[in-house]
Structure formats: C-alpha cells, structure tokens
Amino acid sequence: MKKRLLSAAFSAIIALQFAAPNFAQGSPLPPSFASEWKRDELKKLESGKIVIRNIKKCKNISLKKGINPYADKTIDHAQNMNANYLAEIIYKMPKASNKSVIEQAVKVFEDINLYKEIIYTDEKKGSSRNLFPLVEERFRNDKEGWIKIGSHLRMDMLSAYDSELEIEWGAPGFFFKQQNVTPLMWKSFKAVKEGNMIAGICCFEWDGDYYVYALGGVRAPRIPFVIAEIERQFIGRIEDFTVFYINKFEIHQ
C-alpha cells in the first residue's frame, strides 16, 4: 500500500514538472511575469483587450524586474511611493503591424490638453463627467528623448493640485511617469498627500510583440467602511483613463 502511494506521489510530481513548462509556453506573457494571472485574464490579453488587475499593493506586482529598463522604472516608480491602492494594466499588440507605436506614444502623452477629453463613467450611479474639469500647463522642458511638463489639474470631486510628468523614449521603448507635487483635498480633509499619487506607463518589445504595461496607484488611508467604494471609483477612473489613451493609438491586431 505504501509503495503504491509513493509511486502515485512520485508520478504526480513528475507530471507537474512537465505540465508547468507546457503552460508557460502557451502563455502570451513574457517569462518575467509571475504565474498568478488567471486563465480568463490571459485569454482577454491574447484577444487584444486591455487587462486591468486590482492588485492593491506593490508586493502583488506581477511583472518582475529585468525584462526592460523602462519596465523596471515603472515598477520602481510605484514601489518608491509604496502604494496601497494599486492597479496593474497590460495590453499587447503585434510589433510587425504597429511599428510606429513609440512615436505615437510620445505624440499622445506630451499633449496635456487631451486630459480635458477624458470622461469618467460611474456605472453604479449611471452618470458620466469629465475626469479632469481643470487642466493647465505650467511649464515644459524638452531635451532629446525626454520631456518634462508641469501641470495644474483638478480631478472630479477633489481640489486642484499640481503635478509633474516625464516622458522618455529611445531604444528600450517608451516610458511615462506622473506624480502629484501638492496635496489633493476632499473638502477640508487631505485625501492624498504630496507625492502619493502616481501613474507609470511603459511600452517595450518582447518576442515579436509590443507590451504596454502600466501601474496606477495612490497611498491613502484605508478606512474599513469606505475601502470598497474608494477602490471601485479608483479602478473605474484608471480604466477610463487607460481606455481613452489606448483608443488614441492607431493599433492593428
């Protein structure tokens, strides 16, 4: 009996050893991604749709460092702030039919006035409105392969605040980061401290495809009875922001 059990256990271990590589080979994700992606998320990505994952904290970031320097910068941007409301976004497109995607990214993200066109839809309340009712460019510095822009923004339901964004591009691909430099107030309450709201987006090539990878996060109080509502609205805004920008690209699947 013991021999049969040991034999069965050994056979199961051998089967798992062979099954794991087969699953990895069938995955549309670069090998640096962790294995916690669900099968429906993988199918969604492979079909040309945007995948948005509410990962909550930096320890749950699924992309591991080392695949691309701009991807590493995107991860560092979130980890340095230690976000506790965090969303991970990934989108995949074939490189062969989208060779101008880096140039498109620079053109789209350097235009701060596009923020005025982003619409946030609150499906629970059945209402839509401008995500950024106020958008002003305060300064801009341009160098070869690098742009820095200072802006004055107001997000729906919150006070106006100052933000800085940087764009970098070159052989590794494309990188964008944004961070608030003044607090965001909700009435008289400091909802987000200075430096505690970030967005990082990169585009890199791997195995014949372009991957758009982004992390959007906030470090803010996690009050038990409002966490679910904050996350719902936060993820909704991230989704509308991401979909808006991807729709600005001329993408061929």
C-alpha atoms as a PDB file:
ATOM      1  CA  MET A   1       0.000   0.000   0.000  1.00  0.00           C
ATOM      2  CA  LYS A   2       2.793   2.392   0.956  1.00  0.00           C
ATOM      3  CA  LYS A   3       4.655   1.537  -2.240  1.00  0.00           C
ATOM      4  CA  ARG A   4       1.557   2.305  -4.321  1.00  0.00           C
ATOM      5  CA  LEU A   5       1.107   5.666  -2.549  1.00  0.00           C
ATOM      6  CA  LEU A   6       4.771   6.572  -3.019  1.00  0.00           C
ATOM      7  CA  SER A   7       4.582   5.577  -6.669  1.00  0.00           C
ATOM      8  CA  ALA A   8       1.454   7.688  -7.206  1.00  0.00           C
ATOM      9  CA  ALA A   9       3.021  10.698  -5.452  1.00  0.00           C
ATOM     10  CA  PHE A  10       6.209  10.362  -7.500  1.00  0.00           C
ATOM     11  CA  SER A  11       4.181  10.132 -10.735  1.00  0.00           C
ATOM     12  CA  ALA A  12       2.219  13.272  -9.769  1.00  0.00           C
ATOM     13  CA  ILE A  13       5.430  15.215  -9.117  1.00  0.00           C
ATOM     14  CA  ILE A  14       6.855  14.146 -12.493  1.00  0.00           C
ATOM     15  CA  ALA A  15       3.592  15.136 -14.222  1.00  0.00           C
ATOM     16  CA  LEU A  16       3.663  18.596 -12.624  1.00  0.00           C
ATOM     17  CA  GLN A  17       7.264  19.094 -13.676  1.00  0.00           C
ATOM     18  CA  PHE A  18       6.291  18.530 -17.302  1.00  0.00           C
ATOM     19  CA  ALA A  19       2.948  20.345 -17.126  1.00  0.00           C
ATOM     20  CA  ALA A  20       4.377  23.641 -15.810  1.00  0.00           C
ATOM     21  CA  PRO A  21       6.666  24.324 -18.800  1.00  0.00           C
ATOM     22  CA  ASN A  22       3.856  23.487 -21.221  1.00  0.00           C
ATOM     23  CA  PHE A  23       1.574  26.068 -19.588  1.00  0.00           C
ATOM     24  CA  ALA A  24       4.339  28.696 -19.694  1.00  0.00           C
ATOM     25  CA  GLN A  25       4.955  28.055 -23.390  1.00  0.00           C
ATOM     26  CA  GLY A  26       1.267  28.576 -24.116  1.00  0.00           C
ATOM     27  CA  SER A  27       1.123  31.858 -22.180  1.00  0.00           C
ATOM     28  CA  PRO A  28       1.106  35.188 -24.059  1.00  0.00           C
ATOM     29  CA  LEU A  29       3.033  36.807 -21.201  1.00  0.00           C
ATOM     30  CA  PRO A  30       6.787  37.373 -21.074  1.00  0.00           C
ATOM     31  CA  PRO A  31       8.537  34.908 -18.758  1.00  0.00           C
ATOM     32  CA  SER A  32       9.226  37.679 -16.234  1.00  0.00           C
ATOM     33  CA  PHE A  33       5.552  37.784 -15.278  1.00  0.00           C
ATOM     34  CA  ALA A  34       4.530  35.849 -12.202  1.00  0.00           C
ATOM     35  CA  SER A  35       2.192  32.879 -12.534  1.00  0.00           C
ATOM     36  CA  GLU A  36      -0.794  34.295 -10.620  1.00  0.00           C
ATOM     37  CA  TRP A  37      -2.545  35.518 -13.768  1.00  0.00           C
ATOM     38  CA  LYS A  38      -5.903  33.819 -14.239  1.00  0.00           C
ATOM     39  CA  ARG A  39      -6.736  31.949 -17.414  1.00  0.00           C
ATOM     40  CA  ASP A  40      -9.539  34.374 -18.324  1.00  0.00           C
ATOM     41  CA  GLU A  41      -7.071  37.292 -17.983  1.00  0.00           C
ATOM     42  CA  LEU A  42      -4.657  35.535 -20.340  1.00  0.00           C
ATOM     43  CA  LYS A  43      -7.457  34.911 -22.862  1.00  0.00           C
ATOM     44  CA  LYS A  44      -8.523  38.543 -22.644  1.00  0.00           C
ATOM     45  CA  LEU A  45      -4.969  39.761 -23.264  1.00  0.00           C
ATOM     46  CA  GLU A  46      -4.466  37.396 -26.199  1.00  0.00           C
ATOM     47  CA  SER A  47      -7.716  38.573 -27.815  1.00  0.00           C
ATOM     48  CA  GLY A  48      -6.465  42.167 -27.944  1.00  0.00           C
ATOM     49  CA  LYS A  49      -8.292  43.529 -24.899  1.00  0.00           C
ATOM     50  CA  ILE A  50      -6.981  45.613 -22.020  1.00  0.00           C
ATOM     51  CA  VAL A  51      -6.432  43.706 -18.781  1.00  0.00           C
ATOM     52  CA  ILE A  52      -6.823  45.722 -15.570  1.00  0.00           C
ATOM     53  CA  ARG A  53      -5.943  43.997 -12.293  1.00  0.00           C
ATOM     54  CA  ASN A  54      -6.733  45.478  -8.884  1.00  0.00           C
ATOM     55  CA  ILE A  55      -3.579  44.303  -7.088  1.00  0.00           C
ATOM     56  CA  LYS A  56      -3.894  46.678  -4.090  1.00  0.00           C
ATOM     57  CA  LYS A  57      -0.215  46.651  -3.012  1.00  0.00           C
ATOM     58  CA  CYS A  58       3.247  46.683  -4.596  1.00  0.00           C
ATOM     59  CA  LYS A  59       4.030  43.181  -3.351  1.00  0.00           C
ATOM     60  CA  ASN A  60       1.398  41.915  -5.810  1.00  0.00           C
ATOM     61  CA  ILE A  61       3.004  43.417  -8.925  1.00  0.00           C
ATOM     62  CA  SER A  62       3.212  40.522 -11.381  1.00  0.00           C
ATOM     63  CA  LEU A  63       5.990  41.825 -13.631  1.00  0.00           C
ATOM     64  CA  LYS A  64       9.443  41.015 -12.328  1.00  0.00           C
ATOM     65  CA  LYS A  65      12.404  43.278 -12.976  1.00  0.00           C
ATOM     66  CA  GLY A  66      14.937  42.590 -15.690  1.00  0.00           C
ATOM     67  CA  ILE A  67      12.876  42.328 -18.880  1.00  0.00           C
ATOM     68  CA  ASN A  68      13.261  46.002 -19.889  1.00  0.00           C
ATOM     69  CA  PRO A  69      14.808  49.131 -18.294  1.00  0.00           C
ATOM     70  CA  TYR A  70      11.636  51.197 -18.799  1.00  0.00           C
ATOM     71  CA  ALA A  71       9.553  48.420 -17.241  1.00  0.00           C
ATOM     72  CA  ASP A  72      11.941  48.496 -14.271  1.00  0.00           C
ATOM     73  CA  LYS A  73      11.434  52.263 -13.965  1.00  0.00           C
ATOM     74  CA  THR A  74       7.657  51.783 -13.974  1.00  0.00           C
ATOM     75  CA  ILE A  75       7.906  49.269 -11.126  1.00  0.00           C
ATOM     76  CA  ASP A  76      10.368  51.450  -9.164  1.00  0.00           C
ATOM     77  CA  HIS A  77       8.023  54.429  -9.517  1.00  0.00           C
ATOM     78  CA  ALA A  78       5.236  52.543  -7.715  1.00  0.00           C
ATOM     79  CA  GLN A  79       7.479  50.848  -5.155  1.00  0.00           C
ATOM     80  CA  ASN A  80       9.188  54.100  -4.129  1.00  0.00           C
ATOM     81  CA  MET A  81       5.792  55.520  -3.190  1.00  0.00           C
ATOM     82  CA  ASN A  82       4.602  52.208  -1.665  1.00  0.00           C
ATOM     83  CA  ALA A  83       1.055  52.496  -2.973  1.00  0.00           C
ATOM     84  CA  ASN A  84      -1.734  50.785  -1.029  1.00  0.00           C
ATOM     85  CA  TYR A  85      -4.370  51.324  -3.736  1.00  0.00           C
ATOM     86  CA  LEU A  86      -2.757  49.959  -6.881  1.00  0.00           C
ATOM     87  CA  ALA A  87      -3.903  48.806 -10.306  1.00  0.00           C
ATOM     88  CA  GLU A  88      -1.870  46.938 -12.915  1.00  0.00           C
ATOM     89  CA  ILE A  89      -2.697  47.348 -16.608  1.00  0.00           C
ATOM     90  CA  ILE A  90      -1.350  45.409 -19.570  1.00  0.00           C
ATOM     91  CA  TYR A  91      -2.094  45.453 -23.273  1.00  0.00           C
ATOM     92  CA  LYS A  92      -0.464  43.507 -26.094  1.00  0.00           C
ATOM     93  CA  MET A  93      -0.147  44.198 -29.819  1.00  0.00           C
ATOM     94  CA  PRO A  94       1.939  42.697 -32.653  1.00  0.00           C
ATOM     95  CA  LYS A  95       5.087  44.711 -33.387  1.00  0.00           C
ATOM     96  CA  ALA A  96       5.102  43.995 -37.128  1.00  0.00           C
ATOM     97  CA  SER A  97       1.847  45.906 -37.731  1.00  0.00           C
ATOM     98  CA  ASN A  98       2.447  48.626 -35.105  1.00  0.00           C
ATOM     99  CA  LYS A  99       5.992  49.841 -35.802  1.00  0.00           C
ATOM    100  CA  SER A 100       5.095  53.497 -35.119  1.00  0.00           C
ATOM    101  CA  VAL A 101       3.675  52.872 -31.638  1.00  0.00           C
ATOM    102  CA  ILE A 102       6.588  54.573 -29.795  1.00  0.00           C
ATOM    103  CA  GLU A 103       6.268  57.719 -31.908  1.00  0.00           C
ATOM    104  CA  GLN A 104       2.507  57.649 -31.363  1.00  0.00           C
ATOM    105  CA  ALA A 105       3.012  57.334 -27.597  1.00  0.00           C
ATOM    106  CA  VAL A 106       5.232  60.413 -27.457  1.00  0.00           C
ATOM    107  CA  LYS A 107       2.764  62.441 -29.513  1.00  0.00           C
ATOM    108  CA  VAL A 108      -0.225  61.397 -27.397  1.00  0.00           C
ATOM    109  CA  PHE A 109       1.266  61.725 -23.913  1.00  0.00           C
ATOM    110  CA  GLU A 110       3.017  65.056 -24.488  1.00  0.00           C
ATOM    111  CA  ASP A 111      -0.359  66.689 -25.235  1.00  0.00           C
ATOM    112  CA  ILE A 112      -1.561  67.609 -21.740  1.00  0.00           C
ATOM    113  CA  ASN A 113      -4.728  69.135 -23.217  1.00  0.00           C
ATOM    114  CA  LEU A 114      -6.012  65.645 -24.018  1.00  0.00           C
ATOM    115  CA  TYR A 115      -6.792  65.339 -20.294  1.00  0.00           C
ATOM    116  CA  LYS A 116      -9.747  67.644 -20.946  1.00  0.00           C
ATOM    117  CA  GLU A 117     -11.363  64.994 -23.154  1.00  0.00           C
ATOM    118  CA  ILE A 118     -11.263  62.081 -20.688  1.00  0.00           C
ATOM    119  CA  ILE A 119     -14.731  61.091 -19.495  1.00  0.00           C
ATOM    120  CA  TYR A 120     -15.263  59.129 -16.277  1.00  0.00           C
ATOM    121  CA  THR A 121     -18.397  56.970 -16.162  1.00  0.00           C
ATOM    122  CA  ASP A 122     -19.701  55.894 -12.775  1.00  0.00           C
ATOM    123  CA  GLU A 123     -21.687  52.802 -13.728  1.00  0.00           C
ATOM    124  CA  LYS A 124     -23.119  52.394 -10.223  1.00  0.00           C
ATOM    125  CA  LYS A 125     -24.618  55.895 -10.273  1.00  0.00           C
ATOM    126  CA  GLY A 126     -25.300  55.893 -14.013  1.00  0.00           C
ATOM    127  CA  SER A 127     -23.518  59.212 -14.588  1.00  0.00           C
ATOM    128  CA  SER A 128     -20.657  60.482 -16.747  1.00  0.00           C
ATOM    129  CA  ARG A 129     -18.494  63.582 -16.385  1.00  0.00           C
ATOM    130  CA  ASN A 130     -15.075  64.995 -17.189  1.00  0.00           C
ATOM    131  CA  LEU A 131     -12.382  63.230 -15.190  1.00  0.00           C
ATOM    132  CA  PHE A 132     -10.295  66.439 -15.203  1.00  0.00           C
ATOM    133  CA  PRO A 133     -12.540  69.555 -15.249  1.00  0.00           C
ATOM    134  CA  LEU A 134      -9.431  71.766 -14.943  1.00  0.00           C
ATOM    135  CA  VAL A 135      -6.239  71.293 -16.991  1.00  0.00           C
ATOM    136  CA  GLU A 136      -3.433  73.872 -17.229  1.00  0.00           C
ATOM    137  CA  GLU A 137       0.147  73.507 -18.426  1.00  0.00           C
ATOM    138  CA  ARG A 138       2.503  75.457 -16.137  1.00  0.00           C
ATOM    139  CA  PHE A 139       5.894  74.708 -17.742  1.00  0.00           C
ATOM    140  CA  ARG A 140       7.565  72.428 -20.242  1.00  0.00           C
ATOM    141  CA  ASN A 141      11.203  71.376 -20.745  1.00  0.00           C
ATOM    142  CA  ASP A 142      12.287  69.462 -23.856  1.00  0.00           C
ATOM    143  CA  LYS A 143      15.524  67.570 -24.491  1.00  0.00           C
ATOM    144  CA  GLU A 144      16.398  64.859 -26.971  1.00  0.00           C
ATOM    145  CA  GLY A 145      14.418  61.777 -25.984  1.00  0.00           C
ATOM    146  CA  TRP A 146      12.987  63.444 -22.850  1.00  0.00           C
ATOM    147  CA  ILE A 147      10.173  65.855 -21.933  1.00  0.00           C
ATOM    148  CA  LYS A 148       9.103  67.212 -18.544  1.00  0.00           C
ATOM    149  CA  ILE A 149       5.785  69.009 -18.065  1.00  0.00           C
ATOM    150  CA  GLY A 150       4.380  70.757 -15.004  1.00  0.00           C
ATOM    151  CA  SER A 151       0.596  70.938 -14.812  1.00  0.00           C
ATOM    152  CA  HIS A 152      -2.206  72.281 -12.646  1.00  0.00           C
ATOM    153  CA  LEU A 153      -5.138  69.864 -12.560  1.00  0.00           C
ATOM    154  CA  ARG A 154      -8.381  69.236 -10.780  1.00  0.00           C
ATOM    155  CA  MET A 155      -9.856  65.768 -10.659  1.00  0.00           C
ATOM    156  CA  ASP A 156     -13.576  65.238 -10.272  1.00  0.00           C
ATOM    157  CA  MET A 157     -14.716  65.584  -6.606  1.00  0.00           C
ATOM    158  CA  LEU A 158     -11.252  66.715  -5.397  1.00  0.00           C
ATOM    159  CA  SER A 159      -9.368  70.007  -5.083  1.00  0.00           C
ATOM    160  CA  ALA A 160      -6.961  71.377  -7.689  1.00  0.00           C
ATOM    161  CA  TYR A 161      -3.370  70.195  -7.400  1.00  0.00           C
ATOM    162  CA  ASP A 162       0.000  70.475  -9.143  1.00  0.00           C
ATOM    163  CA  SER A 163       1.512  67.531 -10.957  1.00  0.00           C
ATOM    164  CA  GLU A 164       4.690  66.794 -12.885  1.00  0.00           C
ATOM    165  CA  LEU A 165       5.059  64.303 -15.699  1.00  0.00           C
ATOM    166  CA  GLU A 166       8.081  62.994 -17.559  1.00  0.00           C
ATOM    167  CA  ILE A 167       8.303  61.238 -20.905  1.00  0.00           C
ATOM    168  CA  GLU A 168      11.367  59.290 -22.022  1.00  0.00           C
ATOM    169  CA  TRP A 169      11.902  57.255 -25.162  1.00  0.00           C
ATOM    170  CA  GLY A 170      14.701  55.529 -27.017  1.00  0.00           C
ATOM    171  CA  ALA A 171      15.978  52.070 -27.892  1.00  0.00           C
ATOM    172  CA  PRO A 172      14.302  50.341 -24.882  1.00  0.00           C
ATOM    173  CA  GLY A 173      10.876  51.729 -25.883  1.00  0.00           C
ATOM    174  CA  PHE A 174       8.748  54.367 -24.139  1.00  0.00           C
ATOM    175  CA  PHE A 175       8.314  55.484 -20.517  1.00  0.00           C
ATOM    176  CA  PHE A 176       5.863  57.927 -18.904  1.00  0.00           C
ATOM    177  CA  LYS A 177       5.505  58.832 -15.254  1.00  0.00           C
ATOM    178  CA  GLN A 178       3.354  61.312 -13.386  1.00  0.00           C
ATOM    179  CA  GLN A 179       3.178  62.291  -9.720  1.00  0.00           C
ATOM    180  CA  ASN A 180       1.351  64.941  -7.714  1.00  0.00           C
ATOM    181  CA  VAL A 181       3.596  67.556  -6.084  1.00  0.00           C
ATOM    182  CA  THR A 182       0.884  69.186  -3.954  1.00  0.00           C
ATOM    183  CA  PRO A 183      -1.865  67.528  -1.851  1.00  0.00           C
ATOM    184  CA  LEU A 184      -5.353  66.650  -3.056  1.00  0.00           C
ATOM    185  CA  MET A 185      -8.091  67.816  -0.721  1.00  0.00           C
ATOM    186  CA  TRP A 186     -11.611  66.482  -0.298  1.00  0.00           C
ATOM    187  CA  LYS A 187     -13.464  69.335   1.379  1.00  0.00           C
ATOM    188  CA  SER A 188     -11.219  70.109   4.396  1.00  0.00           C
ATOM    189  CA  PHE A 189      -9.689  66.618   4.507  1.00  0.00           C
ATOM    190  CA  LYS A 190      -6.268  65.873   2.960  1.00  0.00           C
ATOM    191  CA  ALA A 191      -7.235  62.881   0.836  1.00  0.00           C
ATOM    192  CA  VAL A 192      -3.815  62.403  -0.821  1.00  0.00           C
ATOM    193  CA  LYS A 193      -0.540  63.872   0.408  1.00  0.00           C
ATOM    194  CA  GLU A 194       2.007  65.391  -1.945  1.00  0.00           C
ATOM    195  CA  GLY A 195       3.851  62.701  -3.909  1.00  0.00           C
ATOM    196  CA  ASN A 196       1.332  59.998  -3.020  1.00  0.00           C
ATOM    197  CA  MET A 197      -0.486  59.608  -6.364  1.00  0.00           C
ATOM    198  CA  ILE A 198       1.410  58.134  -9.305  1.00  0.00           C
ATOM    199  CA  ALA A 199       0.989  56.765 -12.779  1.00  0.00           C
ATOM    200  CA  GLY A 200       3.716  54.907 -14.659  1.00  0.00           C
ATOM    201  CA  ILE A 201       3.395  53.568 -18.191  1.00  0.00           C
ATOM    202  CA  CYS A 202       5.932  51.830 -20.417  1.00  0.00           C
ATOM    203  CA  CYS A 203       5.946  50.197 -23.818  1.00  0.00           C
ATOM    204  CA  PHE A 204       8.522  47.568 -24.680  1.00  0.00           C
ATOM    205  CA  GLU A 205       9.109  44.829 -27.253  1.00  0.00           C
ATOM    206  CA  TRP A 206       9.278  41.141 -26.407  1.00  0.00           C
ATOM    207  CA  ASP A 207       9.179  38.115 -28.692  1.00  0.00           C
ATOM    208  CA  GLY A 208       7.745  39.972 -31.693  1.00  0.00           C
ATOM    209  CA  ASP A 209       5.058  41.868 -29.761  1.00  0.00           C
ATOM    210  CA  TYR A 210       4.746  45.243 -28.093  1.00  0.00           C
ATOM    211  CA  TYR A 211       3.540  45.263 -24.500  1.00  0.00           C
ATOM    212  CA  VAL A 212       2.024  48.305 -22.813  1.00  0.00           C
ATOM    213  CA  TYR A 213       2.455  47.936 -19.067  1.00  0.00           C
ATOM    214  CA  ALA A 214       1.197  50.427 -16.504  1.00  0.00           C
ATOM    215  CA  LEU A 215       0.826  50.889 -12.769  1.00  0.00           C
ATOM    216  CA  GLY A 216      -1.520  53.484 -11.314  1.00  0.00           C
ATOM    217  CA  GLY A 217      -1.607  53.977  -7.588  1.00  0.00           C
ATOM    218  CA  VAL A 218      -2.358  56.068  -4.542  1.00  0.00           C
ATOM    219  CA  ARG A 219      -1.106  55.951  -0.986  1.00  0.00           C
ATOM    220  CA  ALA A 220      -4.072  56.977   1.134  1.00  0.00           C
ATOM    221  CA  PRO A 221      -5.877  55.905   4.314  1.00  0.00           C
ATOM    222  CA  ARG A 222      -7.593  52.502   4.057  1.00  0.00           C
ATOM    223  CA  ILE A 223     -10.687  53.213   6.138  1.00  0.00           C
ATOM    224  CA  PRO A 224     -12.567  49.902   6.547  1.00  0.00           C
ATOM    225  CA  PHE A 225     -16.104  51.052   5.759  1.00  0.00           C
ATOM    226  CA  VAL A 226     -15.117  53.040   2.625  1.00  0.00           C
ATOM    227  CA  ILE A 227     -12.296  50.889   1.152  1.00  0.00           C
ATOM    228  CA  ALA A 228     -14.618  49.096  -1.298  1.00  0.00           C
ATOM    229  CA  GLU A 229     -16.100  52.364  -2.592  1.00  0.00           C
ATOM    230  CA  ILE A 230     -12.678  54.037  -2.940  1.00  0.00           C
ATOM    231  CA  GLU A 231     -11.348  51.025  -4.849  1.00  0.00           C
ATOM    232  CA  ARG A 232     -14.418  50.934  -7.095  1.00  0.00           C
ATOM    233  CA  GLN A 233     -14.067  54.584  -8.055  1.00  0.00           C
ATOM    234  CA  PHE A 234     -10.278  54.361  -8.317  1.00  0.00           C
ATOM    235  CA  ILE A 235     -10.343  51.323 -10.626  1.00  0.00           C
ATOM    236  CA  GLY A 236     -13.125  52.952 -12.672  1.00  0.00           C
ATOM    237  CA  ARG A 237     -11.022  56.067 -13.207  1.00  0.00           C
ATOM    238  CA  ILE A 238      -7.927  54.018 -14.070  1.00  0.00           C
ATOM    239  CA  GLU A 239      -9.946  52.014 -16.598  1.00  0.00           C
ATOM    240  CA  ASP A 240     -11.454  55.075 -18.289  1.00  0.00           C
ATOM    241  CA  PHE A 241      -8.053  56.833 -18.374  1.00  0.00           C
ATOM    242  CA  THR A 242      -6.348  53.777 -19.894  1.00  0.00           C
ATOM    243  CA  VAL A 243      -9.050  53.014 -22.459  1.00  0.00           C
ATOM    244  CA  PHE A 244      -9.105  56.672 -23.536  1.00  0.00           C
ATOM    245  CA  TYR A 245      -5.379  56.705 -24.290  1.00  0.00           C
ATOM    246  CA  ILE A 246      -5.221  53.324 -25.988  1.00  0.00           C
ATOM    247  CA  ASN A 247      -8.090  54.393 -28.230  1.00  0.00           C
ATOM    248  CA  LYS A 248      -5.951  57.362 -29.298  1.00  0.00           C
ATOM    249  CA  PHE A 249      -3.480  54.981 -30.923  1.00  0.00           C
ATOM    250  CA  GLU A 250      -3.798  53.554 -34.396  1.00  0.00           C
ATOM    251  CA  ILE A 251      -3.389  49.900 -33.458  1.00  0.00           C
ATOM    252  CA  HIS A 252      -3.558  46.888 -35.765  1.00  0.00           C
ATOM    253  CA  GLN A 253      -4.090  43.452 -34.198  1.00  0.00           C
END
